[in-house]
Amino acid sequence: MSEVRKDVVVDIERAAAKEKHSLRAGLGLMALQRKTELIEYDCKEADCGICLFRIISGAENLSPPTKREADFLRAMRCDENERLACQCRVFGDVQIRIEGDPDD
């Protein structure tokens, strides 16, 4: 018996912009980089912090922080509800907020 593909919803807010995207469960948020400009990426290695976001809901649906991400978040004194999009996999619906204007 084949497994049924499960999609999850990623709800993204940035300034006045709001988008909802469907993503296959288990994929990383970077899979959305061609679908949205609201999440910016640079190093993609948990080193620069440009993809930092705040979890509004669904934290339990994200993969645990990688060692690199945990080290970065600790060094930058980030809040518990902040993560790096380049390091996260999504296993269920999540709502996130990104600081700053997407046109900056």
C-alpha atoms as a PDB file:
ATOM      1  CA  MET A   1       0.000   0.000   0.000  1.00  0.00           C
ATOM      2  CA  SER A   2       1.453   3.362  -1.002  1.00  0.00           C
ATOM      3  CA  GLU A   3       1.680   6.252   1.391  1.00  0.00           C
ATOM      4  CA  VAL A   4      -0.599   9.239   0.744  1.00  0.00           C
ATOM      5  CA  ARG A   5       1.290  12.475   0.214  1.00  0.00           C
ATOM      6  CA  LYS A   6       0.489  14.942   2.967  1.00  0.00           C
ATOM      7  CA  ASP A   7       0.669  18.666   2.370  1.00  0.00           C
ATOM      8  CA  VAL A   8       0.964  21.258   5.101  1.00  0.00           C
ATOM      9  CA  VAL A   9       0.149  24.966   5.102  1.00  0.00           C
ATOM     10  CA  VAL A  10       2.836  27.571   5.761  1.00  0.00           C
ATOM     11  CA  ASP A  11       1.268  30.919   6.643  1.00  0.00           C
ATOM     12  CA  ILE A  12       3.813  33.749   6.256  1.00  0.00           C
ATOM     13  CA  GLU A  13       3.444  37.359   7.444  1.00  0.00           C
ATOM     14  CA  ARG A  14       5.877  40.159   6.691  1.00  0.00           C
ATOM     15  CA  ALA A  15       4.840  43.773   7.253  1.00  0.00           C
ATOM     16  CA  ALA A  16       1.461  44.133   5.482  1.00  0.00           C
ATOM     17  CA  ALA A  17       2.111  41.139   3.203  1.00  0.00           C
ATOM     18  CA  LYS A  18       0.519  37.783   4.001  1.00  0.00           C
ATOM     19  CA  GLU A  19       0.811  34.579   2.009  1.00  0.00           C
ATOM     20  CA  LYS A  20      -0.231  30.951   2.454  1.00  0.00           C
ATOM     21  CA  HIS A  21       1.696  28.206   0.729  1.00  0.00           C
ATOM     22  CA  SER A  22       1.195  24.479   0.486  1.00  0.00           C
ATOM     23  CA  LEU A  23       4.291  22.367   1.071  1.00  0.00           C
ATOM     24  CA  ARG A  24       4.848  18.625   1.167  1.00  0.00           C
ATOM     25  CA  ALA A  25       5.237  17.531   4.785  1.00  0.00           C
ATOM     26  CA  GLY A  26       8.865  16.906   5.672  1.00  0.00           C
ATOM     27  CA  LEU A  27      10.357  19.398   3.228  1.00  0.00           C
ATOM     28  CA  GLY A  28      12.403  22.350   4.390  1.00  0.00           C
ATOM     29  CA  LEU A  29      11.136  25.913   4.242  1.00  0.00           C
ATOM     30  CA  MET A  30      13.760  26.534   1.562  1.00  0.00           C
ATOM     31  CA  ALA A  31      11.500  24.588  -0.811  1.00  0.00           C
ATOM     32  CA  LEU A  32       9.371  27.752  -0.871  1.00  0.00           C
ATOM     33  CA  GLN A  33      12.139  30.031  -2.113  1.00  0.00           C
ATOM     34  CA  ARG A  34      10.808  30.041  -5.683  1.00  0.00           C
ATOM     35  CA  LYS A  35       7.218  30.619  -4.506  1.00  0.00           C
ATOM     36  CA  THR A  36       7.698  33.602  -2.201  1.00  0.00           C
ATOM     37  CA  GLU A  37       9.944  36.600  -1.738  1.00  0.00           C
ATOM     38  CA  LEU A  38       8.848  37.096   1.858  1.00  0.00           C
ATOM     39  CA  ILE A  39      11.573  34.773   3.181  1.00  0.00           C
ATOM     40  CA  GLU A  40      15.081  35.832   2.201  1.00  0.00           C
ATOM     41  CA  TYR A  41      18.076  33.491   2.162  1.00  0.00           C
ATOM     42  CA  ASP A  42      21.785  34.129   1.848  1.00  0.00           C
ATOM     43  CA  CYS A  43      24.281  31.649   3.304  1.00  0.00           C
ATOM     44  CA  LYS A  44      21.801  28.753   3.800  1.00  0.00           C
ATOM     45  CA  GLU A  45      24.160  27.374   6.459  1.00  0.00           C
ATOM     46  CA  ALA A  46      22.892  28.891   9.750  1.00  0.00           C
ATOM     47  CA  ASP A  47      25.611  31.505   9.634  1.00  0.00           C
ATOM     48  CA  CYS A  48      24.113  34.864   8.582  1.00  0.00           C
ATOM     49  CA  GLY A  49      20.632  35.058  10.136  1.00  0.00           C
ATOM     50  CA  ILE A  50      18.944  36.727   7.173  1.00  0.00           C
ATOM     51  CA  CYS A  51      16.229  34.034   7.166  1.00  0.00           C
ATOM     52  CA  LEU A  52      15.367  34.507  10.862  1.00  0.00           C
ATOM     53  CA  PHE A  53      11.652  34.267  11.585  1.00  0.00           C
ATOM     54  CA  ARG A  54       9.326  34.223  14.577  1.00  0.00           C
ATOM     55  CA  ILE A  55       6.936  31.309  15.121  1.00  0.00           C
ATOM     56  CA  ILE A  56       3.365  32.477  15.715  1.00  0.00           C
ATOM     57  CA  SER A  57       1.871  28.976  15.900  1.00  0.00           C
ATOM     58  CA  GLY A  58       2.825  25.413  15.057  1.00  0.00           C
ATOM     59  CA  ALA A  59       6.268  25.252  16.684  1.00  0.00           C
ATOM     60  CA  GLU A  60       5.665  21.557  17.354  1.00  0.00           C
ATOM     61  CA  ASN A  61       5.394  21.027  13.589  1.00  0.00           C
ATOM     62  CA  LEU A  62       8.964  22.142  12.878  1.00  0.00           C
ATOM     63  CA  SER A  63      12.048  19.954  13.032  1.00  0.00           C
ATOM     64  CA  PRO A  64      14.239  20.446  16.098  1.00  0.00           C
ATOM     65  CA  PRO A  65      17.066  22.958  15.632  1.00  0.00           C
ATOM     66  CA  THR A  66      20.235  21.553  14.101  1.00  0.00           C
ATOM     67  CA  LYS A  67      23.411  22.014  16.134  1.00  0.00           C
ATOM     68  CA  ARG A  68      24.501  24.837  13.800  1.00  0.00           C
ATOM     69  CA  GLU A  69      21.142  26.568  14.149  1.00  0.00           C
ATOM     70  CA  ALA A  70      21.064  26.158  17.936  1.00  0.00           C
ATOM     71  CA  ASP A  71      24.605  27.570  18.195  1.00  0.00           C
ATOM     72  CA  PHE A  72      23.669  30.562  16.017  1.00  0.00           C
ATOM     73  CA  LEU A  73      20.431  31.292  17.873  1.00  0.00           C
ATOM     74  CA  ARG A  74      22.214  31.090  21.227  1.00  0.00           C
ATOM     75  CA  ALA A  75      25.063  33.358  20.045  1.00  0.00           C
ATOM     76  CA  MET A  76      22.570  35.935  18.747  1.00  0.00           C
ATOM     77  CA  ARG A  77      20.481  35.716  21.959  1.00  0.00           C
ATOM     78  CA  CYS A  78      17.342  34.909  19.985  1.00  0.00           C
ATOM     79  CA  ASP A  79      14.017  34.198  21.634  1.00  0.00           C
ATOM     80  CA  GLU A  80      12.782  30.617  21.992  1.00  0.00           C
ATOM     81  CA  ASN A  81      10.203  31.213  19.265  1.00  0.00           C
ATOM     82  CA  GLU A  82      12.766  32.363  16.685  1.00  0.00           C
ATOM     83  CA  ARG A  83      14.229  29.994  14.097  1.00  0.00           C
ATOM     84  CA  LEU A  84      16.218  30.025  10.858  1.00  0.00           C
ATOM     85  CA  ALA A  85      14.202  29.126   7.770  1.00  0.00           C
ATOM     86  CA  CYS A  86      17.235  27.583   6.070  1.00  0.00           C
ATOM     87  CA  GLN A  87      17.415  24.915   8.796  1.00  0.00           C
ATOM     88  CA  CYS A  88      13.728  24.042   9.354  1.00  0.00           C
ATOM     89  CA  ARG A  89      11.710  21.151   8.016  1.00  0.00           C
ATOM     90  CA  VAL A  90       7.936  21.387   8.265  1.00  0.00           C
ATOM     91  CA  PHE A  91       5.783  18.428   9.361  1.00  0.00           C
ATOM     92  CA  GLY A  92       2.482  20.225   9.995  1.00  0.00           C
ATOM     93  CA  ASP A  93       0.804  23.591   9.594  1.00  0.00           C
ATOM     94  CA  VAL A  94       2.807  26.568  10.819  1.00  0.00           C
ATOM     95  CA  GLN A  95       2.340  30.316  11.003  1.00  0.00           C
ATOM     96  CA  ILE A  96       5.446  32.509  10.936  1.00  0.00           C
ATOM     97  CA  ARG A  97       6.285  36.218  10.951  1.00  0.00           C
ATOM     98  CA  ILE A  98       9.335  37.834   9.421  1.00  0.00           C
ATOM     99  CA  GLU A  99      10.455  41.254  10.600  1.00  0.00           C
ATOM    100  CA  GLY A 100      11.051  44.089   8.154  1.00  0.00           C
ATOM    101  CA  ASP A 101       9.493  45.233   4.914  1.00  0.00           C
ATOM    102  CA  PRO A 102       9.852  42.806   1.981  1.00  0.00           C
ATOM    103  CA  ASP A 103      10.697  45.736  -0.309  1.00  0.00           C
ATOM    104  CA  ASP A 104      13.739  46.808   1.732  1.00  0.00           C
END
